[in-house]
Amino acid sequence: MSRDCFCDLHTHSTASDGTDSPRELAANATKLGIRILALTDHDNVNGVRELAALQSEVRIENTPEYQSIEKELEMLIKQELGEL
């Protein structure tokens, strides 16, 4: 028996630079059969909190994350300097 699991491990909501609210992301993920969703808004976890509050309403597993612009810039600079 096949147990396919579709996921999206990098999404952004209106809590940063995305176009959909966490509720809309969850609804769209459910419609598309996505079972695991990581909300990776820039430099805040406000959308993650909203998505977590929806857990009982939607049939997805929330994987809380956030994307730090500062950390990304630090890694790019280190890569350019040959430190990585």
C-alpha atoms as a PDB file:
ATOM      1  CA  MET A   1       0.000   0.000   0.000  1.00  0.00           C
ATOM      2  CA  SER A   2       1.380   3.413  -0.976  1.00  0.00           C
ATOM      3  CA  ARG A   3       1.379   6.122   1.673  1.00  0.00           C
ATOM      4  CA  ASP A   4       2.418   9.205  -0.237  1.00  0.00           C
ATOM      5  CA  CYS A   5       3.068  12.252   1.863  1.00  0.00           C
ATOM      6  CA  PHE A   6       3.171  15.634   0.213  1.00  0.00           C
ATOM      7  CA  CYS A   7       4.779  18.540   2.027  1.00  0.00           C
ATOM      8  CA  ASP A   8       5.844  22.134   1.568  1.00  0.00           C
ATOM      9  CA  LEU A   9       8.783  23.012   3.783  1.00  0.00           C
ATOM     10  CA  HIS A  10       9.145  26.670   2.814  1.00  0.00           C
ATOM     11  CA  THR A  11       6.120  28.973   2.817  1.00  0.00           C
ATOM     12  CA  HIS A  12       5.566  32.617   3.714  1.00  0.00           C
ATOM     13  CA  SER A  13       2.354  34.183   5.003  1.00  0.00           C
ATOM     14  CA  THR A  14       1.089  37.728   5.328  1.00  0.00           C
ATOM     15  CA  ALA A  15       2.992  37.823   8.630  1.00  0.00           C
ATOM     16  CA  SER A  16       6.039  38.596   6.446  1.00  0.00           C
ATOM     17  CA  ASP A  17       6.146  38.816   2.639  1.00  0.00           C
ATOM     18  CA  GLY A  18       3.603  36.173   1.620  1.00  0.00           C
ATOM     19  CA  THR A  19       0.262  36.810  -0.062  1.00  0.00           C
ATOM     20  CA  ASP A  20      -1.909  34.364   1.933  1.00  0.00           C
ATOM     21  CA  SER A  21      -2.800  34.388   5.611  1.00  0.00           C
ATOM     22  CA  PRO A  22      -1.819  31.336   7.662  1.00  0.00           C
ATOM     23  CA  ARG A  23      -5.486  30.236   7.523  1.00  0.00           C
ATOM     24  CA  GLU A  24      -5.479  30.504   3.704  1.00  0.00           C
ATOM     25  CA  LEU A  25      -2.177  28.624   3.481  1.00  0.00           C
ATOM     26  CA  ALA A  26      -3.618  25.810   5.612  1.00  0.00           C
ATOM     27  CA  ALA A  27      -6.808  25.655   3.553  1.00  0.00           C
ATOM     28  CA  ASN A  28      -4.886  25.596   0.262  1.00  0.00           C
ATOM     29  CA  ALA A  29      -2.488  22.946   1.577  1.00  0.00           C
ATOM     30  CA  THR A  30      -5.408  20.757   2.606  1.00  0.00           C
ATOM     31  CA  LYS A  31      -7.063  21.136  -0.825  1.00  0.00           C
ATOM     32  CA  LEU A  32      -3.787  20.146  -2.524  1.00  0.00           C
ATOM     33  CA  GLY A  33      -3.274  17.107  -0.297  1.00  0.00           C
ATOM     34  CA  ILE A  34      -0.275  18.592   1.492  1.00  0.00           C
ATOM     35  CA  ARG A  35      -0.009  16.954   4.898  1.00  0.00           C
ATOM     36  CA  ILE A  36       3.065  18.731   6.287  1.00  0.00           C
ATOM     37  CA  LEU A  37       3.458  22.499   6.075  1.00  0.00           C
ATOM     38  CA  ALA A  38       6.383  24.579   7.313  1.00  0.00           C
ATOM     39  CA  LEU A  39       5.612  28.256   7.677  1.00  0.00           C
ATOM     40  CA  THR A  40       8.945  30.066   7.362  1.00  0.00           C
ATOM     41  CA  ASP A  41       8.093  33.745   7.652  1.00  0.00           C
ATOM     42  CA  HIS A  42      10.922  36.258   7.806  1.00  0.00           C
ATOM     43  CA  ASP A  43      12.177  37.203  11.280  1.00  0.00           C
ATOM     44  CA  ASN A  44       8.969  36.474  13.223  1.00  0.00           C
ATOM     45  CA  VAL A  45       6.753  33.624  14.390  1.00  0.00           C
ATOM     46  CA  ASN A  46       3.393  35.431  14.380  1.00  0.00           C
ATOM     47  CA  GLY A  47       2.055  33.370  11.477  1.00  0.00           C
ATOM     48  CA  VAL A  48       3.255  30.147  13.115  1.00  0.00           C
ATOM     49  CA  ARG A  49       1.196  30.967  16.201  1.00  0.00           C
ATOM     50  CA  GLU A  50      -1.895  31.516  14.064  1.00  0.00           C
ATOM     51  CA  LEU A  51      -1.277  28.308  12.117  1.00  0.00           C
ATOM     52  CA  ALA A  52      -0.796  26.335  15.347  1.00  0.00           C
ATOM     53  CA  ALA A  53      -4.155  27.611  16.604  1.00  0.00           C
ATOM     54  CA  LEU A  54      -5.777  26.076  13.499  1.00  0.00           C
ATOM     55  CA  GLN A  55      -4.425  22.574  14.135  1.00  0.00           C
ATOM     56  CA  SER A  56      -7.789  21.216  15.252  1.00  0.00           C
ATOM     57  CA  GLU A  57      -9.511  22.613  12.134  1.00  0.00           C
ATOM     58  CA  VAL A  58      -7.110  21.516   9.406  1.00  0.00           C
ATOM     59  CA  ARG A  59      -5.615  18.155   8.576  1.00  0.00           C
ATOM     60  CA  ILE A  60      -1.972  19.163   8.251  1.00  0.00           C
ATOM     61  CA  GLU A  61       1.047  18.818  10.462  1.00  0.00           C
ATOM     62  CA  ASN A  62       2.509  22.208  11.272  1.00  0.00           C
ATOM     63  CA  THR A  63       6.301  22.337  11.287  1.00  0.00           C
ATOM     64  CA  PRO A  64       7.131  25.678  12.927  1.00  0.00           C
ATOM     65  CA  GLU A  65      10.140  27.485  11.490  1.00  0.00           C
ATOM     66  CA  TYR A  66      11.249  31.002  10.787  1.00  0.00           C
ATOM     67  CA  GLN A  67      13.642  32.479   8.267  1.00  0.00           C
ATOM     68  CA  SER A  68      16.238  34.848   9.643  1.00  0.00           C
ATOM     69  CA  ILE A  69      17.498  37.339   7.088  1.00  0.00           C
ATOM     70  CA  GLU A  70      20.373  38.247   9.381  1.00  0.00           C
ATOM     71  CA  LYS A  71      21.556  34.613   9.541  1.00  0.00           C
ATOM     72  CA  GLU A  72      21.272  34.230   5.766  1.00  0.00           C
ATOM     73  CA  LEU A  73      23.369  37.351   5.170  1.00  0.00           C
ATOM     74  CA  GLU A  74      25.978  36.119   7.634  1.00  0.00           C
ATOM     75  CA  MET A  75      26.225  32.782   5.818  1.00  0.00           C
ATOM     76  CA  LEU A  76      26.483  34.485   2.399  1.00  0.00           C
ATOM     77  CA  ILE A  77      29.304  36.724   3.623  1.00  0.00           C
ATOM     78  CA  LYS A  78      31.169  33.759   5.128  1.00  0.00           C
ATOM     79  CA  GLN A  79      30.721  31.855   1.873  1.00  0.00           C
ATOM     80  CA  GLU A  80      32.096  34.779  -0.146  1.00  0.00           C
ATOM     81  CA  LEU A  81      35.082  35.035   2.208  1.00  0.00           C
ATOM     82  CA  GLY A  82      35.735  31.323   1.877  1.00  0.00           C
ATOM     83  CA  GLU A  83      34.955  30.624   5.530  1.00  0.00           C
ATOM     84  CA  LEU A  84      32.348  27.961   4.733  1.00  0.00           C
END
